[in-house]
Amino acid sequence: MLEFLVLALTVMQEEASTFGLQINWSKTKILQVPSSISSSTVYVADGHVEVVDAFVYLGCLIDSSGGSGQEVLRRIGLARSCMNMLKRRI
């Protein structure tokens, strides 16, 4: 399955280059669901792509479990830190 993903990413890079676009492989992540990939990085085309269990996309935590528990805890932590910074000012 991983070989198919690497092939698809390589084709995506080739198609993007025809329009003058470049893919930043250092910012690209592969989410493993479930933990089936043994390596932490995968070599694709011109760079290494990191294999992760969770990442933040558009401000939301996406994790391999598919639940929202970790996202709720992350947002509570962000709100707590903001309130602590406000408390010092008031």
N, C-alpha and C. Protein backbone atom coordinates (compact mmCIF):
# COMPACT_ATOMS: atom_id res chain seq x y z
N MET A 1 0.82 -1.19 0.00
CA MET A 1 0.00 0.00 0.00
C MET A 1 0.87 1.26 0.00
N LEU A 2 1.98 1.20 0.73
CA LEU A 2 2.87 2.35 0.80
C LEU A 2 3.50 2.64 -0.56
N GLU A 3 3.80 1.60 -1.31
CA GLU A 3 4.38 1.78 -2.64
C GLU A 3 3.41 2.52 -3.55
N PHE A 4 2.11 2.22 -3.43
CA PHE A 4 1.10 2.91 -4.22
C PHE A 4 1.04 4.39 -3.86
N LEU A 5 1.15 4.70 -2.56
CA LEU A 5 1.14 6.09 -2.11
C LEU A 5 2.34 6.85 -2.63
N VAL A 6 3.51 6.23 -2.59
CA VAL A 6 4.73 6.87 -3.09
C VAL A 6 4.60 7.13 -4.59
N LEU A 7 4.05 6.17 -5.32
CA LEU A 7 3.83 6.34 -6.76
C LEU A 7 2.85 7.49 -7.03
N ALA A 8 1.77 7.57 -6.25
CA ALA A 8 0.79 8.63 -6.43
C ALA A 8 1.40 10.01 -6.14
N LEU A 9 2.23 10.10 -5.10
CA LEU A 9 2.88 11.37 -4.78
C LEU A 9 3.88 11.77 -5.86
N THR A 10 4.56 10.79 -6.45
CA THR A 10 5.49 11.08 -7.54
C THR A 10 4.75 11.60 -8.76
N VAL A 11 3.62 10.98 -9.08
CA VAL A 11 2.80 11.45 -10.21
C VAL A 11 2.27 12.85 -9.93
N MET A 12 1.87 13.11 -8.68
CA MET A 12 1.37 14.44 -8.32
C MET A 12 2.46 15.49 -8.52
N GLN A 13 3.70 15.15 -8.15
CA GLN A 13 4.80 16.10 -8.34
C GLN A 13 5.04 16.36 -9.83
N GLU A 14 4.99 15.32 -10.65
CA GLU A 14 5.19 15.50 -12.09
C GLU A 14 4.11 16.36 -12.72
N GLU A 15 2.86 16.13 -12.31
CA GLU A 15 1.76 16.93 -12.84
C GLU A 15 1.84 18.38 -12.36
N ALA A 16 2.25 18.59 -11.13
CA ALA A 16 2.37 19.95 -10.59
C ALA A 16 3.49 20.72 -11.29
N SER A 17 4.56 20.02 -11.64
CA SER A 17 5.69 20.70 -12.28
C SER A 17 5.33 21.20 -13.67
N THR A 18 4.34 20.60 -14.34
CA THR A 18 3.93 21.10 -15.65
C THR A 18 3.28 22.48 -15.53
N PHE A 19 2.75 22.80 -14.35
CA PHE A 19 2.16 24.11 -14.11
C PHE A 19 3.11 25.06 -13.41
N GLY A 20 4.35 24.63 -13.21
CA GLY A 20 5.34 25.47 -12.54
C GLY A 20 5.26 25.44 -11.03
N LEU A 21 4.57 24.45 -10.47
CA LEU A 21 4.43 24.33 -9.02
C LEU A 21 5.45 23.35 -8.47
N GLN A 22 5.87 23.59 -7.23
CA GLN A 22 6.79 22.68 -6.56
C GLN A 22 6.18 22.24 -5.24
N ILE A 23 6.37 20.99 -4.89
CA ILE A 23 5.86 20.46 -3.63
C ILE A 23 6.98 20.53 -2.59
N ASN A 24 6.67 21.09 -1.44
CA ASN A 24 7.64 21.18 -0.34
C ASN A 24 7.53 19.90 0.47
N TRP A 25 8.43 18.95 0.23
CA TRP A 25 8.35 17.65 0.88
C TRP A 25 8.66 17.73 2.37
N SER A 26 9.37 18.76 2.82
CA SER A 26 9.66 18.86 4.25
C SER A 26 8.41 19.23 5.05
N LYS A 27 7.42 19.84 4.41
CA LYS A 27 6.16 20.18 5.08
C LYS A 27 5.09 19.11 4.88
N THR A 28 5.33 18.15 4.01
CA THR A 28 4.36 17.11 3.72
C THR A 28 4.44 16.01 4.77
N LYS A 29 3.30 15.54 5.24
CA LYS A 29 3.23 14.50 6.27
C LYS A 29 2.35 13.35 5.76
N ILE A 30 2.67 12.14 6.21
CA ILE A 30 1.84 10.97 5.94
C ILE A 30 1.29 10.51 7.28
N LEU A 31 -0.04 10.45 7.39
CA LEU A 31 -0.68 10.00 8.62
C LEU A 31 -0.87 8.49 8.53
N GLN A 32 -0.33 7.76 9.50
CA GLN A 32 -0.48 6.31 9.48
C GLN A 32 -1.70 5.90 10.29
N VAL A 33 -2.61 5.19 9.64
CA VAL A 33 -3.84 4.72 10.27
C VAL A 33 -4.03 3.27 9.88
N PRO A 34 -4.04 2.31 10.73
CA PRO A 34 -3.37 2.29 12.04
C PRO A 34 -1.87 2.23 11.84
N SER A 35 -1.15 2.05 12.91
CA SER A 35 0.32 2.07 12.87
C SER A 35 0.85 0.88 12.08
N SER A 36 0.84 0.98 10.77
CA SER A 36 1.28 -0.13 9.93
C SER A 36 2.62 0.14 9.26
N ILE A 37 3.05 1.40 9.23
CA ILE A 37 4.31 1.76 8.60
C ILE A 37 5.39 1.74 9.68
N SER A 38 6.45 0.99 9.44
CA SER A 38 7.47 0.84 10.47
C SER A 38 8.47 2.00 10.48
N SER A 39 8.73 2.62 9.33
CA SER A 39 9.73 3.68 9.29
C SER A 39 9.12 5.03 9.65
N SER A 40 9.98 5.97 10.02
CA SER A 40 9.49 7.29 10.40
C SER A 40 9.55 8.28 9.24
N THR A 41 10.28 7.94 8.19
CA THR A 41 10.33 8.77 6.99
C THR A 41 10.24 7.88 5.76
N VAL A 42 9.72 8.46 4.68
CA VAL A 42 9.59 7.76 3.41
C VAL A 42 10.21 8.65 2.35
N TYR A 43 11.02 8.07 1.47
CA TYR A 43 11.65 8.85 0.41
C TYR A 43 10.70 8.90 -0.78
N VAL A 44 10.33 10.13 -1.19
CA VAL A 44 9.44 10.34 -2.32
C VAL A 44 10.08 11.36 -3.25
N ALA A 45 10.25 10.98 -4.49
CA ALA A 45 10.76 11.87 -5.55
C ALA A 45 12.05 12.55 -5.10
N ASP A 46 11.96 13.82 -4.71
CA ASP A 46 13.16 14.60 -4.39
C ASP A 46 13.40 14.80 -2.90
N GLY A 47 12.57 14.23 -2.05
CA GLY A 47 12.75 14.50 -0.63
C GLY A 47 12.18 13.44 0.26
N HIS A 48 12.34 13.66 1.55
CA HIS A 48 11.84 12.74 2.56
C HIS A 48 10.52 13.27 3.11
N VAL A 49 9.55 12.38 3.27
CA VAL A 49 8.24 12.72 3.83
C VAL A 49 8.14 12.03 5.19
N GLU A 50 7.77 12.79 6.19
CA GLU A 50 7.70 12.26 7.55
C GLU A 50 6.39 11.50 7.76
N VAL A 51 6.47 10.34 8.42
CA VAL A 51 5.30 9.54 8.78
C VAL A 51 4.97 9.86 10.23
N VAL A 52 3.72 10.32 10.49
CA VAL A 52 3.35 10.79 11.82
C VAL A 52 2.08 10.10 12.31
N ASP A 53 1.82 10.20 13.63
CA ASP A 53 0.59 9.70 14.22
C ASP A 53 -0.46 10.80 14.32
N ALA A 54 -0.03 12.07 14.33
CA ALA A 54 -0.94 13.20 14.44
C ALA A 54 -0.25 14.44 13.90
N PHE A 55 -1.05 15.39 13.38
CA PHE A 55 -0.53 16.67 12.92
C PHE A 55 -1.64 17.70 12.97
N VAL A 56 -1.25 18.98 12.95
CA VAL A 56 -2.21 20.08 12.99
C VAL A 56 -2.41 20.58 11.57
N TYR A 57 -3.68 20.61 11.14
CA TYR A 57 -4.03 21.07 9.80
C TYR A 57 -5.14 22.10 9.93
N LEU A 58 -4.90 23.30 9.45
CA LEU A 58 -5.85 24.42 9.53
C LEU A 58 -6.35 24.63 10.96
N GLY A 59 -5.44 24.50 11.93
CA GLY A 59 -5.76 24.77 13.32
C GLY A 59 -6.39 23.62 14.07
N CYS A 60 -6.63 22.50 13.42
CA CYS A 60 -7.25 21.34 14.08
C CYS A 60 -6.26 20.19 14.14
N LEU A 61 -6.28 19.48 15.25
CA LEU A 61 -5.41 18.32 15.41
C LEU A 61 -6.06 17.11 14.74
N ILE A 62 -5.35 16.52 13.80
CA ILE A 62 -5.80 15.32 13.11
C ILE A 62 -4.93 14.18 13.64
N ASP A 63 -5.56 13.15 14.23
CA ASP A 63 -4.76 12.03 14.73
C ASP A 63 -5.28 10.71 14.16
N SER A 64 -4.49 9.67 14.36
CA SER A 64 -4.80 8.39 13.75
C SER A 64 -5.99 7.69 14.38
N SER A 65 -6.38 8.07 15.59
CA SER A 65 -7.52 7.41 16.23
C SER A 65 -8.85 7.87 15.64
N GLY A 66 -8.86 9.06 15.06
CA GLY A 66 -10.09 9.57 14.47
C GLY A 66 -11.02 10.25 15.45
N GLY A 67 -10.68 10.22 16.72
CA GLY A 67 -11.51 10.84 17.74
C GLY A 67 -11.17 12.31 17.92
N SER A 68 -11.92 12.96 18.79
CA SER A 68 -11.69 14.38 19.02
C SER A 68 -11.18 14.68 20.42
N GLY A 69 -10.89 13.66 21.21
CA GLY A 69 -10.45 13.86 22.59
C GLY A 69 -9.15 14.65 22.68
N GLN A 70 -8.17 14.30 21.88
CA GLN A 70 -6.89 15.01 21.90
C GLN A 70 -7.06 16.46 21.44
N GLU A 71 -7.94 16.69 20.47
CA GLU A 71 -8.19 18.05 19.98
C GLU A 71 -8.82 18.90 21.08
N VAL A 72 -9.76 18.35 21.82
CA VAL A 72 -10.40 19.08 22.93
C VAL A 72 -9.36 19.44 23.99
N LEU A 73 -8.52 18.49 24.36
CA LEU A 73 -7.48 18.76 25.35
C LEU A 73 -6.50 19.81 24.86
N ARG A 74 -6.16 19.78 23.58
CA ARG A 74 -5.24 20.77 23.02
C ARG A 74 -5.86 22.16 23.08
N ARG A 75 -7.14 22.28 22.72
CA ARG A 75 -7.80 23.59 22.75
C ARG A 75 -7.98 24.11 24.17
N ILE A 76 -8.24 23.23 25.12
CA ILE A 76 -8.34 23.64 26.52
C ILE A 76 -6.99 24.19 26.98
N GLY A 77 -5.91 23.53 26.59
CA GLY A 77 -4.57 24.01 26.94
C GLY A 77 -4.27 25.37 26.33
N LEU A 78 -4.68 25.57 25.07
CA LEU A 78 -4.47 26.87 24.42
C LEU A 78 -5.27 27.96 25.13
N ALA A 79 -6.52 27.67 25.48
CA ALA A 79 -7.35 28.66 26.17
C ALA A 79 -6.78 28.97 27.55
N ARG A 80 -6.28 27.94 28.24
CA ARG A 80 -5.70 28.15 29.57
C ARG A 80 -4.47 29.06 29.49
N SER A 81 -3.63 28.84 28.50
CA SER A 81 -2.43 29.68 28.39
C SER A 81 -2.80 31.12 28.04
N CYS A 82 -3.82 31.31 27.21
CA CYS A 82 -4.27 32.68 26.89
C CYS A 82 -4.83 33.36 28.13
N MET A 83 -5.62 32.65 28.93
CA MET A 83 -6.18 33.24 30.14
C MET A 83 -5.08 33.58 31.15
N ASN A 84 -4.05 32.74 31.23
CA ASN A 84 -2.93 33.05 32.14
C ASN A 84 -2.19 34.30 31.70
N MET A 85 -2.03 34.49 30.39
CA MET A 85 -1.38 35.72 29.90
C MET A 85 -2.25 36.93 30.18
N LEU A 86 -3.57 36.80 30.08
CA LEU A 86 -4.47 37.93 30.37
C LEU A 86 -4.46 38.24 31.87
N LYS A 87 -4.37 37.22 32.70
CA LYS A 87 -4.39 37.41 34.15
C LYS A 87 -3.23 38.28 34.61
N ARG A 88 -2.08 38.12 33.96
CA ARG A 88 -0.92 38.93 34.31
C ARG A 88 -1.12 40.40 33.96
N ARG A 89 -1.91 40.67 32.94
CA ARG A 89 -2.12 42.05 32.48
C ARG A 89 -3.19 42.77 33.28
N ILE A 90 -4.10 42.02 33.84
CA ILE A 90 -5.25 42.65 34.52
C ILE A 90 -4.98 42.80 36.00
